[in-house]
Amino acid sequence: MSSLPVLCHMDVGTARPVGGQYRQRTLKNVQDSDGTAILFSQKLSGGTKLTRDLCIREKKPFVVLDATQISESAAAAAIVRFVEENEIQVLNVAGPRANGWPEGYAFALGVVGGVIGRCQVPLRSPSP
């Protein structure tokens, strides 16, 4: 079992922000995390593609998982491996808006639940 990363932001299935705000929010999410897990279905496009492109530009590790090619359980295992290999402490989870992938939110919740189920929270001694 691995240490539990901090799941800092889950941006799957949310409504589209006004104007270019989503680009700024997406950039900040990438910059403020140690790595990003991108969940999508069939094709990267829109903000999901932007997230991948920003990870490349910002030189941040990322994993891209197509829900049509992988189960929730296998996706969770892939993310845990990604977290361990890249020593991720703050994980950004991203994917398309609900209108672009109606089943995406449920898939993402299942995957994130699987990630949490495979990790354990490190015990800390209380401060004296």
N, C-alpha and C. Protein backbone atom coordinates (compact mmCIF):
# COMPACT_ATOMS: atom_id res chain seq x y z
N MET A 1 0.84 -1.19 0.00
CA MET A 1 0.00 0.00 0.00
C MET A 1 0.88 1.24 0.00
N SER A 2 0.40 2.28 -0.64
CA SER A 2 1.19 3.50 -0.74
C SER A 2 0.61 4.58 0.16
N SER A 3 1.37 5.64 0.32
CA SER A 3 0.87 6.80 1.06
C SER A 3 -0.19 7.48 0.23
N LEU A 4 -1.16 8.03 0.87
CA LEU A 4 -2.26 8.69 0.18
C LEU A 4 -1.84 10.07 -0.30
N PRO A 5 -1.94 10.33 -1.60
CA PRO A 5 -1.67 11.69 -2.06
C PRO A 5 -2.84 12.59 -1.68
N VAL A 6 -2.62 13.85 -1.68
CA VAL A 6 -3.69 14.81 -1.45
C VAL A 6 -4.39 15.01 -2.79
N LEU A 7 -5.67 14.69 -2.85
CA LEU A 7 -6.42 14.91 -4.08
C LEU A 7 -6.89 16.36 -4.07
N CYS A 8 -6.12 17.21 -4.74
CA CYS A 8 -6.33 18.64 -4.59
C CYS A 8 -7.51 19.16 -5.37
N HIS A 9 -7.83 18.55 -6.49
CA HIS A 9 -8.89 19.12 -7.31
C HIS A 9 -9.43 18.07 -8.23
N MET A 10 -10.72 17.89 -8.23
CA MET A 10 -11.34 16.96 -9.16
C MET A 10 -12.23 17.77 -10.07
N ASP A 11 -11.81 17.94 -11.30
CA ASP A 11 -12.50 18.81 -12.24
C ASP A 11 -13.09 17.98 -13.37
N VAL A 12 -14.02 17.10 -13.03
CA VAL A 12 -14.65 16.25 -14.02
C VAL A 12 -16.15 16.49 -13.94
N GLY A 13 -16.75 16.87 -15.06
CA GLY A 13 -18.19 17.01 -15.12
C GLY A 13 -18.73 18.33 -14.59
N THR A 14 -17.87 19.32 -14.39
CA THR A 14 -18.35 20.60 -13.88
C THR A 14 -18.84 21.47 -15.04
N ALA A 15 -19.62 22.47 -14.71
CA ALA A 15 -20.12 23.41 -15.72
C ALA A 15 -18.97 24.25 -16.26
N ARG A 16 -19.14 24.73 -17.47
CA ARG A 16 -18.09 25.54 -18.10
C ARG A 16 -18.08 26.94 -17.50
N PRO A 17 -16.92 27.39 -17.02
CA PRO A 17 -16.81 28.75 -16.51
C PRO A 17 -16.99 29.76 -17.64
N VAL A 18 -17.31 30.98 -17.29
CA VAL A 18 -17.53 32.04 -18.26
C VAL A 18 -16.21 32.46 -18.90
N GLY A 19 -16.26 32.72 -20.21
CA GLY A 19 -15.10 33.24 -20.93
C GLY A 19 -13.90 32.32 -20.84
N GLY A 20 -12.72 32.91 -20.67
CA GLY A 20 -11.47 32.16 -20.62
C GLY A 20 -11.08 31.73 -19.22
N GLN A 21 -11.98 31.88 -18.25
CA GLN A 21 -11.63 31.53 -16.87
C GLN A 21 -11.21 30.09 -16.71
N TYR A 22 -11.80 29.19 -17.50
CA TYR A 22 -11.44 27.78 -17.34
C TYR A 22 -9.98 27.55 -17.71
N ARG A 23 -9.46 28.30 -18.67
CA ARG A 23 -8.04 28.16 -19.04
C ARG A 23 -7.14 28.56 -17.87
N GLN A 24 -7.48 29.65 -17.20
CA GLN A 24 -6.69 30.09 -16.04
C GLN A 24 -6.80 29.08 -14.91
N ARG A 25 -8.00 28.58 -14.66
CA ARG A 25 -8.21 27.60 -13.60
C ARG A 25 -7.45 26.32 -13.91
N THR A 26 -7.51 25.89 -15.17
CA THR A 26 -6.81 24.67 -15.57
C THR A 26 -5.30 24.82 -15.40
N LEU A 27 -4.76 25.94 -15.82
CA LEU A 27 -3.33 26.20 -15.65
C LEU A 27 -2.95 26.18 -14.18
N LYS A 28 -3.74 26.84 -13.35
CA LYS A 28 -3.44 26.89 -11.91
C LYS A 28 -3.49 25.49 -11.30
N ASN A 29 -4.47 24.68 -11.70
CA ASN A 29 -4.56 23.30 -11.19
C ASN A 29 -3.32 22.50 -11.57
N VAL A 30 -2.85 22.66 -12.79
CA VAL A 30 -1.64 21.95 -13.24
C VAL A 30 -0.43 22.45 -12.45
N GLN A 31 -0.30 23.76 -12.33
CA GLN A 31 0.86 24.33 -11.64
C GLN A 31 0.87 23.99 -10.15
N ASP A 32 -0.28 23.95 -9.52
CA ASP A 32 -0.37 23.74 -8.07
C ASP A 32 -0.31 22.27 -7.66
N SER A 33 -0.23 21.37 -8.63
CA SER A 33 -0.16 19.95 -8.32
C SER A 33 1.20 19.39 -8.72
N ASP A 34 1.49 18.19 -8.21
CA ASP A 34 2.74 17.51 -8.56
C ASP A 34 2.57 16.67 -9.82
N GLY A 35 1.33 16.40 -10.20
CA GLY A 35 1.04 15.60 -11.39
C GLY A 35 -0.46 15.56 -11.61
N THR A 36 -0.85 15.12 -12.81
CA THR A 36 -2.26 15.13 -13.20
C THR A 36 -2.67 13.79 -13.78
N ALA A 37 -3.84 13.31 -13.36
CA ALA A 37 -4.49 12.15 -13.96
C ALA A 37 -5.62 12.68 -14.83
N ILE A 38 -5.59 12.37 -16.12
CA ILE A 38 -6.60 12.84 -17.05
C ILE A 38 -7.47 11.66 -17.46
N LEU A 39 -8.76 11.75 -17.15
CA LEU A 39 -9.73 10.73 -17.52
C LEU A 39 -10.55 11.26 -18.69
N PHE A 40 -10.75 10.44 -19.71
CA PHE A 40 -11.53 10.88 -20.86
C PHE A 40 -12.17 9.67 -21.53
N SER A 41 -12.98 9.93 -22.55
CA SER A 41 -13.64 8.86 -23.28
C SER A 41 -13.43 9.07 -24.77
N GLN A 42 -12.66 8.22 -25.38
CA GLN A 42 -12.42 8.13 -26.81
C GLN A 42 -11.49 9.18 -27.40
N LYS A 43 -11.68 10.46 -27.09
CA LYS A 43 -10.89 11.49 -27.76
C LYS A 43 -10.60 12.65 -26.81
N LEU A 44 -9.35 13.06 -26.75
CA LEU A 44 -9.00 14.27 -25.99
C LEU A 44 -9.43 15.49 -26.79
N SER A 45 -10.15 16.39 -26.15
CA SER A 45 -10.58 17.61 -26.83
C SER A 45 -10.86 18.69 -25.78
N GLY A 46 -11.01 19.90 -26.24
CA GLY A 46 -11.39 21.01 -25.36
C GLY A 46 -10.46 21.17 -24.17
N GLY A 47 -11.07 21.36 -23.00
CA GLY A 47 -10.31 21.58 -21.78
C GLY A 47 -9.47 20.38 -21.35
N THR A 48 -9.90 19.18 -21.73
CA THR A 48 -9.14 17.98 -21.38
C THR A 48 -7.83 17.95 -22.17
N LYS A 49 -7.91 18.30 -23.45
CA LYS A 49 -6.70 18.39 -24.27
C LYS A 49 -5.82 19.54 -23.77
N LEU A 50 -6.46 20.65 -23.39
CA LEU A 50 -5.72 21.78 -22.84
C LEU A 50 -4.94 21.35 -21.59
N THR A 51 -5.57 20.56 -20.72
CA THR A 51 -4.90 20.08 -19.52
C THR A 51 -3.65 19.30 -19.88
N ARG A 52 -3.77 18.38 -20.82
CA ARG A 52 -2.61 17.59 -21.27
C ARG A 52 -1.51 18.50 -21.83
N ASP A 53 -1.91 19.47 -22.66
CA ASP A 53 -0.94 20.38 -23.27
C ASP A 53 -0.24 21.24 -22.21
N LEU A 54 -0.99 21.66 -21.19
CA LEU A 54 -0.39 22.46 -20.12
C LEU A 54 0.57 21.62 -19.27
N CYS A 55 0.25 20.35 -19.06
CA CYS A 55 1.17 19.47 -18.34
C CYS A 55 2.49 19.38 -19.09
N ILE A 56 2.41 19.25 -20.41
CA ILE A 56 3.63 19.19 -21.22
C ILE A 56 4.39 20.51 -21.12
N ARG A 57 3.70 21.62 -21.29
CA ARG A 57 4.34 22.94 -21.24
C ARG A 57 4.98 23.22 -19.90
N GLU A 58 4.29 22.83 -18.82
CA GLU A 58 4.78 23.11 -17.46
C GLU A 58 5.73 22.02 -16.97
N LYS A 59 5.98 21.02 -17.82
CA LYS A 59 6.89 19.91 -17.47
C LYS A 59 6.42 19.18 -16.20
N LYS A 60 5.12 18.93 -16.15
CA LYS A 60 4.52 18.20 -15.03
C LYS A 60 4.14 16.80 -15.50
N PRO A 61 4.38 15.80 -14.68
CA PRO A 61 4.00 14.44 -15.09
C PRO A 61 2.49 14.30 -15.18
N PHE A 62 2.06 13.44 -16.10
CA PHE A 62 0.63 13.20 -16.26
C PHE A 62 0.41 11.78 -16.77
N VAL A 63 -0.78 11.27 -16.52
CA VAL A 63 -1.21 9.99 -17.05
C VAL A 63 -2.57 10.23 -17.70
N VAL A 64 -2.75 9.68 -18.90
CA VAL A 64 -3.99 9.86 -19.67
C VAL A 64 -4.66 8.50 -19.79
N LEU A 65 -5.92 8.41 -19.33
CA LEU A 65 -6.63 7.14 -19.29
C LEU A 65 -7.97 7.24 -20.01
N ASP A 66 -8.13 6.43 -21.05
CA ASP A 66 -9.34 6.39 -21.86
C ASP A 66 -10.31 5.38 -21.26
N ALA A 67 -11.46 5.85 -20.81
CA ALA A 67 -12.44 4.99 -20.15
C ALA A 67 -12.99 3.91 -21.08
N THR A 68 -12.87 4.10 -22.38
CA THR A 68 -13.34 3.06 -23.30
C THR A 68 -12.34 1.91 -23.41
N GLN A 69 -11.13 2.12 -22.88
CA GLN A 69 -10.07 1.12 -22.99
C GLN A 69 -9.65 0.52 -21.66
N ILE A 70 -10.22 1.03 -20.54
CA ILE A 70 -9.75 0.61 -19.22
C ILE A 70 -10.91 0.62 -18.22
N SER A 71 -10.92 -0.32 -17.31
CA SER A 71 -11.96 -0.36 -16.27
C SER A 71 -11.63 0.64 -15.17
N GLU A 72 -12.61 0.92 -14.32
CA GLU A 72 -12.38 1.81 -13.18
C GLU A 72 -11.26 1.26 -12.30
N SER A 73 -11.30 -0.03 -12.04
CA SER A 73 -10.30 -0.66 -11.18
C SER A 73 -8.90 -0.57 -11.79
N ALA A 74 -8.78 -0.85 -13.07
CA ALA A 74 -7.48 -0.78 -13.74
C ALA A 74 -6.99 0.68 -13.81
N ALA A 75 -7.90 1.61 -14.01
CA ALA A 75 -7.53 3.03 -14.03
C ALA A 75 -7.02 3.45 -12.66
N ALA A 76 -7.68 3.02 -11.59
CA ALA A 76 -7.24 3.34 -10.23
C ALA A 76 -5.85 2.77 -9.99
N ALA A 77 -5.62 1.54 -10.41
CA ALA A 77 -4.30 0.91 -10.23
C ALA A 77 -3.23 1.68 -11.02
N ALA A 78 -3.57 2.13 -12.22
CA ALA A 78 -2.63 2.89 -13.04
C ALA A 78 -2.28 4.22 -12.37
N ILE A 79 -3.27 4.86 -11.76
CA ILE A 79 -3.02 6.14 -11.08
C ILE A 79 -2.16 5.92 -9.84
N VAL A 80 -2.43 4.87 -9.09
CA VAL A 80 -1.60 4.58 -7.90
C VAL A 80 -0.15 4.36 -8.33
N ARG A 81 0.05 3.60 -9.40
CA ARG A 81 1.41 3.37 -9.92
C ARG A 81 2.05 4.70 -10.34
N PHE A 82 1.29 5.55 -11.03
CA PHE A 82 1.75 6.87 -11.46
C PHE A 82 2.15 7.73 -10.26
N VAL A 83 1.33 7.71 -9.22
CA VAL A 83 1.60 8.48 -7.99
C VAL A 83 2.89 7.99 -7.34
N GLU A 84 3.04 6.68 -7.24
CA GLU A 84 4.23 6.12 -6.61
C GLU A 84 5.50 6.41 -7.44
N GLU A 85 5.43 6.18 -8.74
CA GLU A 85 6.59 6.36 -9.61
C GLU A 85 7.07 7.81 -9.68
N ASN A 86 6.13 8.75 -9.54
CA ASN A 86 6.46 10.17 -9.65
C ASN A 86 6.46 10.89 -8.31
N GLU A 87 6.31 10.12 -7.22
CA GLU A 87 6.31 10.68 -5.86
C GLU A 87 5.34 11.86 -5.74
N ILE A 88 4.13 11.65 -6.25
CA ILE A 88 3.09 12.67 -6.24
C ILE A 88 2.54 12.85 -4.82
N GLN A 89 2.52 14.07 -4.36
CA GLN A 89 1.87 14.40 -3.09
C GLN A 89 0.54 15.11 -3.33
N VAL A 90 0.47 15.92 -4.38
CA VAL A 90 -0.76 16.65 -4.73
C VAL A 90 -1.13 16.22 -6.15
N LEU A 91 -2.27 15.56 -6.27
CA LEU A 91 -2.72 15.02 -7.55
C LEU A 91 -3.90 15.82 -8.08
N ASN A 92 -3.79 16.28 -9.32
CA ASN A 92 -4.88 16.94 -10.03
C ASN A 92 -5.59 15.87 -10.86
N VAL A 93 -6.91 15.77 -10.74
CA VAL A 93 -7.70 14.83 -11.54
C VAL A 93 -8.58 15.65 -12.46
N ALA A 94 -8.47 15.41 -13.77
CA ALA A 94 -9.19 16.23 -14.74
C ALA A 94 -9.90 15.37 -15.77
N GLY A 95 -10.92 15.96 -16.39
CA GLY A 95 -11.66 15.28 -17.45
C GLY A 95 -12.67 16.23 -18.06
N PRO A 96 -13.40 15.76 -19.08
CA PRO A 96 -14.35 16.61 -19.79
C PRO A 96 -15.55 17.01 -18.95
N ARG A 97 -16.23 18.05 -19.40
CA ARG A 97 -17.48 18.50 -18.77
C ARG A 97 -18.56 17.42 -18.96
N ALA A 98 -19.57 17.49 -18.14
CA ALA A 98 -20.66 16.51 -18.18
C ALA A 98 -21.35 16.46 -19.54
N ASN A 99 -21.50 17.62 -20.20
CA ASN A 99 -22.18 17.59 -21.49
C ASN A 99 -21.33 16.94 -22.57
N GLY A 100 -20.04 16.82 -22.35
CA GLY A 100 -19.15 16.15 -23.30
C GLY A 100 -18.99 14.67 -23.01
N TRP A 101 -19.32 14.26 -21.78
CA TRP A 101 -19.18 12.86 -21.37
C TRP A 101 -20.07 12.64 -20.15
N PRO A 102 -21.37 12.41 -20.36
CA PRO A 102 -22.32 12.31 -19.25
C PRO A 102 -21.95 11.26 -18.19
N GLU A 103 -21.32 10.16 -18.59
CA GLU A 103 -20.96 9.10 -17.65
C GLU A 103 -19.63 9.38 -16.94
N GLY A 104 -18.96 10.44 -17.33
CA GLY A 104 -17.62 10.72 -16.83
C GLY A 104 -17.52 10.95 -15.34
N TYR A 105 -18.48 11.65 -14.78
CA TYR A 105 -18.42 11.96 -13.36
C TYR A 105 -18.48 10.67 -12.53
N ALA A 106 -19.40 9.77 -12.90
CA ALA A 106 -19.52 8.50 -12.18
C ALA A 106 -18.24 7.68 -12.35
N PHE A 107 -17.68 7.67 -13.56
CA PHE A 107 -16.43 6.94 -13.80
C PHE A 107 -15.32 7.52 -12.93
N ALA A 108 -15.21 8.85 -12.92
CA ALA A 108 -14.16 9.51 -12.13
C ALA A 108 -14.31 9.22 -10.65
N LEU A 109 -15.54 9.25 -10.14
CA LEU A 109 -15.75 8.95 -8.72
C LEU A 109 -15.33 7.51 -8.41
N GLY A 110 -15.65 6.58 -9.30
CA GLY A 110 -15.25 5.20 -9.10
C GLY A 110 -13.74 5.04 -9.12
N VAL A 111 -13.09 5.74 -10.04
CA VAL A 111 -11.63 5.66 -10.14
C VAL A 111 -10.98 6.26 -8.90
N VAL A 112 -11.40 7.46 -8.51
CA VAL A 112 -10.81 8.12 -7.34
C VAL A 112 -11.09 7.29 -6.08
N GLY A 113 -12.27 6.74 -5.97
CA GLY A 113 -12.56 5.85 -4.85
C GLY A 113 -11.63 4.66 -4.82
N GLY A 114 -11.33 4.12 -6.00
CA GLY A 114 -10.39 3.01 -6.10
C GLY A 114 -8.98 3.40 -5.73
N VAL A 115 -8.58 4.62 -6.09
CA VAL A 115 -7.25 5.12 -5.71
C VAL A 115 -7.17 5.21 -4.19
N ILE A 116 -8.17 5.81 -3.60
CA ILE A 116 -8.18 5.97 -2.14
C ILE A 116 -8.19 4.60 -1.46
N GLY A 117 -8.96 3.66 -2.00
CA GLY A 117 -9.03 2.32 -1.42
C GLY A 117 -7.71 1.56 -1.47
N ARG A 118 -6.85 1.92 -2.43
CA ARG A 118 -5.55 1.25 -2.56
C ARG A 118 -4.45 1.93 -1.76
N CYS A 119 -4.76 3.04 -1.17
CA CYS A 119 -3.76 3.79 -0.41
C CYS A 119 -4.11 3.76 1.06
N GLN A 120 -3.14 4.03 1.87
CA GLN A 120 -3.40 4.17 3.29
C GLN A 120 -2.85 5.50 3.76
N VAL A 121 -3.54 6.09 4.69
CA VAL A 121 -3.08 7.37 5.23
C VAL A 121 -1.96 7.09 6.21
N PRO A 122 -0.80 7.73 6.03
CA PRO A 122 0.30 7.51 6.97
C PRO A 122 -0.08 8.03 8.36
N LEU A 123 0.23 7.23 9.38
CA LEU A 123 -0.05 7.64 10.75
C LEU A 123 1.05 8.57 11.24
N ARG A 124 0.65 9.62 11.89
CA ARG A 124 1.62 10.57 12.45
C ARG A 124 1.49 10.59 13.95
N SER A 125 2.63 10.69 14.59
CA SER A 125 2.62 10.82 16.04
C SER A 125 2.14 12.21 16.43
N PRO A 126 1.33 12.31 17.47
CA PRO A 126 0.88 13.64 17.88
C PRO A 126 2.07 14.47 18.36
N SER A 127 1.98 15.75 18.12
CA SER A 127 3.03 16.67 18.57
C SER A 127 3.01 16.77 20.09
N PRO A 128 4.20 16.85 20.72
CA PRO A 128 4.23 16.93 22.20
C PRO A 128 3.70 18.26 22.70
